[in-house]
Amino acid sequence: MDSNNLLKQLLMIGIGTTSLVADRLREVSDQWVREGKLDPEQASSFINDLMQQLKSEQSNWEIQFQRQLRNVLQDLGVPRQNEMDELRGRLDRLERQVRDLENKLWR
């Protein structure tokens, strides 16, 4: 499982959803302006405030999601990148030592 790819896909879904919400907000505010329920300045302020709130919540959601994903991967026993790098280094050293011992035996 490529966790980075999954995370990117889920974040793109979140961005797409935010975009759809923004489009719908604009439609509704334009309708309210046409109906005289809001003046254009109020509509603009309304959209800007809601979009700012959505962006803030999306950022918080992304941080929470990343934290939860990290916890799930850890619970499943998926090693972190630094752990994999350390194991690769140890494996390289062991392979080098085995080659050195083989070379000594064949001389």
C-alpha atoms as a PDB file:
ATOM      1  CA  MET A   1       0.000   0.000   0.000  1.00  0.00           C
ATOM      2  CA  ASP A   2       1.458   3.348  -1.056  1.00  0.00           C
ATOM      3  CA  SER A   3       0.426   5.575   1.842  1.00  0.00           C
ATOM      4  CA  ASN A   4       1.677   8.744   0.126  1.00  0.00           C
ATOM      5  CA  ASN A   5      -0.487   8.036  -2.922  1.00  0.00           C
ATOM      6  CA  LEU A   6      -3.509   7.266  -0.754  1.00  0.00           C
ATOM      7  CA  LEU A   7      -2.974  10.440   1.240  1.00  0.00           C
ATOM      8  CA  LYS A   8      -2.655  12.509  -1.948  1.00  0.00           C
ATOM      9  CA  GLN A   9      -5.850  11.001  -3.337  1.00  0.00           C
ATOM     10  CA  LEU A  10      -7.786  11.710  -0.152  1.00  0.00           C
ATOM     11  CA  LEU A  11      -6.460  15.256   0.009  1.00  0.00           C
ATOM     12  CA  MET A  12      -7.452  15.809  -3.619  1.00  0.00           C
ATOM     13  CA  ILE A  13     -10.945  14.603  -2.773  1.00  0.00           C
ATOM     14  CA  GLY A  14     -11.005  17.120   0.072  1.00  0.00           C
ATOM     15  CA  ILE A  15      -9.805  19.897  -2.235  1.00  0.00           C
ATOM     16  CA  GLY A  16     -12.402  18.921  -4.830  1.00  0.00           C
ATOM     17  CA  THR A  17     -15.131  18.953  -2.217  1.00  0.00           C
ATOM     18  CA  THR A  18     -14.006  22.381  -1.019  1.00  0.00           C
ATOM     19  CA  SER A  19     -14.094  23.619  -4.610  1.00  0.00           C
ATOM     20  CA  LEU A  20     -17.637  22.318  -5.065  1.00  0.00           C
ATOM     21  CA  VAL A  21     -18.726  23.980  -1.825  1.00  0.00           C
ATOM     22  CA  ALA A  22     -17.131  27.264  -2.946  1.00  0.00           C
ATOM     23  CA  ASP A  23     -18.943  27.100  -6.305  1.00  0.00           C
ATOM     24  CA  ARG A  24     -22.240  26.384  -4.606  1.00  0.00           C
ATOM     25  CA  LEU A  25     -21.692  29.235  -2.126  1.00  0.00           C
ATOM     26  CA  ARG A  26     -21.106  31.629  -5.009  1.00  0.00           C
ATOM     27  CA  GLU A  27     -24.278  30.442  -6.736  1.00  0.00           C
ATOM     28  CA  VAL A  28     -26.357  30.869  -3.592  1.00  0.00           C
ATOM     29  CA  SER A  29     -24.912  34.282  -2.786  1.00  0.00           C
ATOM     30  CA  ASP A  30     -25.484  35.441  -6.395  1.00  0.00           C
ATOM     31  CA  GLN A  31     -29.085  34.255  -6.099  1.00  0.00           C
ATOM     32  CA  TRP A  32     -29.531  36.124  -2.816  1.00  0.00           C
ATOM     33  CA  VAL A  33     -28.140  39.279  -4.425  1.00  0.00           C
ATOM     34  CA  ARG A  34     -30.574  38.904  -7.341  1.00  0.00           C
ATOM     35  CA  GLU A  35     -33.447  38.385  -4.892  1.00  0.00           C
ATOM     36  CA  GLY A  36     -32.381  41.413  -2.868  1.00  0.00           C
ATOM     37  CA  LYS A  37     -31.672  39.426   0.300  1.00  0.00           C
ATOM     38  CA  LEU A  38     -28.013  40.575   0.287  1.00  0.00           C
ATOM     39  CA  ASP A  39     -26.221  43.443  -1.340  1.00  0.00           C
ATOM     40  CA  PRO A  40     -23.116  42.567  -3.405  1.00  0.00           C
ATOM     41  CA  GLU A  41     -20.715  43.729  -0.693  1.00  0.00           C
ATOM     42  CA  GLN A  42     -22.421  41.584   1.955  1.00  0.00           C
ATOM     43  CA  ALA A  43     -22.368  38.600  -0.405  1.00  0.00           C
ATOM     44  CA  SER A  44     -18.664  39.042  -1.064  1.00  0.00           C
ATOM     45  CA  SER A  45     -17.915  39.378   2.647  1.00  0.00           C
ATOM     46  CA  PHE A  46     -20.104  36.346   3.390  1.00  0.00           C
ATOM     47  CA  ILE A  47     -18.268  34.179   0.836  1.00  0.00           C
ATOM     48  CA  ASN A  48     -14.838  35.375   1.937  1.00  0.00           C
ATOM     49  CA  ASP A  49     -15.594  34.636   5.586  1.00  0.00           C
ATOM     50  CA  LEU A  50     -16.951  31.163   4.844  1.00  0.00           C
ATOM     51  CA  MET A  51     -14.064  30.319   2.505  1.00  0.00           C
ATOM     52  CA  GLN A  52     -11.541  31.399   5.124  1.00  0.00           C
ATOM     53  CA  GLN A  53     -13.272  29.197   7.670  1.00  0.00           C
ATOM     54  CA  LEU A  54     -13.330  26.259   5.221  1.00  0.00           C
ATOM     55  CA  LYS A  55      -9.619  26.661   4.486  1.00  0.00           C
ATOM     56  CA  SER A  56      -8.821  26.736   8.182  1.00  0.00           C
ATOM     57  CA  GLU A  57     -10.925  23.664   8.863  1.00  0.00           C
ATOM     58  CA  GLN A  58      -9.454  21.849   5.852  1.00  0.00           C
ATOM     59  CA  SER A  59      -5.950  22.506   7.147  1.00  0.00           C
ATOM     60  CA  ASN A  60      -6.918  21.176  10.574  1.00  0.00           C
ATOM     61  CA  TRP A  61      -8.578  18.180   8.935  1.00  0.00           C
ATOM     62  CA  GLU A  62      -5.440  17.426   6.895  1.00  0.00           C
ATOM     63  CA  ILE A  63      -3.258  17.536  10.016  1.00  0.00           C
ATOM     64  CA  GLN A  64      -5.677  15.281  11.914  1.00  0.00           C
ATOM     65  CA  PHE A  65      -5.916  12.897   8.964  1.00  0.00           C
ATOM     66  CA  GLN A  66      -2.137  12.635   8.649  1.00  0.00           C
ATOM     67  CA  ARG A  67      -1.835  11.948  12.367  1.00  0.00           C
ATOM     68  CA  GLN A  68      -4.551   9.282  12.225  1.00  0.00           C
ATOM     69  CA  LEU A  69      -2.995   7.664   9.144  1.00  0.00           C
ATOM     70  CA  ARG A  70       0.404   7.563  10.860  1.00  0.00           C
ATOM     71  CA  ASN A  71      -1.191   5.889  13.897  1.00  0.00           C
ATOM     72  CA  VAL A  72      -3.017   3.312  11.758  1.00  0.00           C
ATOM     73  CA  LEU A  73       0.153   2.482   9.817  1.00  0.00           C
ATOM     74  CA  GLN A  74       2.051   2.140  13.088  1.00  0.00           C
ATOM     75  CA  ASP A  75      -0.666  -0.116  14.522  1.00  0.00           C
ATOM     76  CA  LEU A  76      -0.443  -2.277  11.390  1.00  0.00           C
ATOM     77  CA  GLY A  77       3.301  -2.583  11.895  1.00  0.00           C
ATOM     78  CA  VAL A  78       4.284  -0.634   8.794  1.00  0.00           C
ATOM     79  CA  PRO A  79       7.789   0.683   9.436  1.00  0.00           C
ATOM     80  CA  ARG A  80       8.609   4.371   9.107  1.00  0.00           C
ATOM     81  CA  GLN A  81      10.976   5.559   6.407  1.00  0.00           C
ATOM     82  CA  ASN A  82      13.824   6.206   8.860  1.00  0.00           C
ATOM     83  CA  GLU A  83      13.440   2.657  10.212  1.00  0.00           C
ATOM     84  CA  MET A  84      13.621   1.255   6.672  1.00  0.00           C
ATOM     85  CA  ASP A  85      16.704   3.368   5.939  1.00  0.00           C
ATOM     86  CA  GLU A  86      18.389   2.110   9.099  1.00  0.00           C
ATOM     87  CA  LEU A  87      17.612  -1.510   8.180  1.00  0.00           C
ATOM     88  CA  ARG A  88      18.948  -0.992   4.652  1.00  0.00           C
ATOM     89  CA  GLY A  89      22.168   0.401   6.099  1.00  0.00           C
ATOM     90  CA  ARG A  90      22.531  -2.556   8.435  1.00  0.00           C
ATOM     91  CA  LEU A  91      21.835  -4.968   5.587  1.00  0.00           C
ATOM     92  CA  ASP A  92      24.460  -3.245   3.400  1.00  0.00           C
ATOM     93  CA  ARG A  93      27.050  -3.546   6.190  1.00  0.00           C
ATOM     94  CA  LEU A  94      26.229  -7.242   6.699  1.00  0.00           C
ATOM     95  CA  GLU A  95      26.467  -7.946   2.969  1.00  0.00           C
ATOM     96  CA  ARG A  96      29.842  -6.209   2.871  1.00  0.00           C
ATOM     97  CA  GLN A  97      31.061  -8.266   5.825  1.00  0.00           C
ATOM     98  CA  VAL A  98      29.887 -11.511   4.178  1.00  0.00           C
ATOM     99  CA  ARG A  99      31.677 -10.583   0.938  1.00  0.00           C
ATOM    100  CA  ASP A 100      34.849  -9.789   2.872  1.00  0.00           C
ATOM    101  CA  LEU A 101      34.677 -13.157   4.674  1.00  0.00           C
ATOM    102  CA  GLU A 102      34.043 -14.992   1.381  1.00  0.00           C
ATOM    103  CA  ASN A 103      37.007 -13.254  -0.213  1.00  0.00           C
ATOM    104  CA  LYS A 104      39.230 -14.299   2.705  1.00  0.00           C
ATOM    105  CA  LEU A 105      38.074 -17.922   2.408  1.00  0.00           C
ATOM    106  CA  TRP A 106      38.750 -18.103  -1.343  1.00  0.00           C
ATOM    107  CA  ARG A 107      42.313 -16.748  -1.166  1.00  0.00           C
END
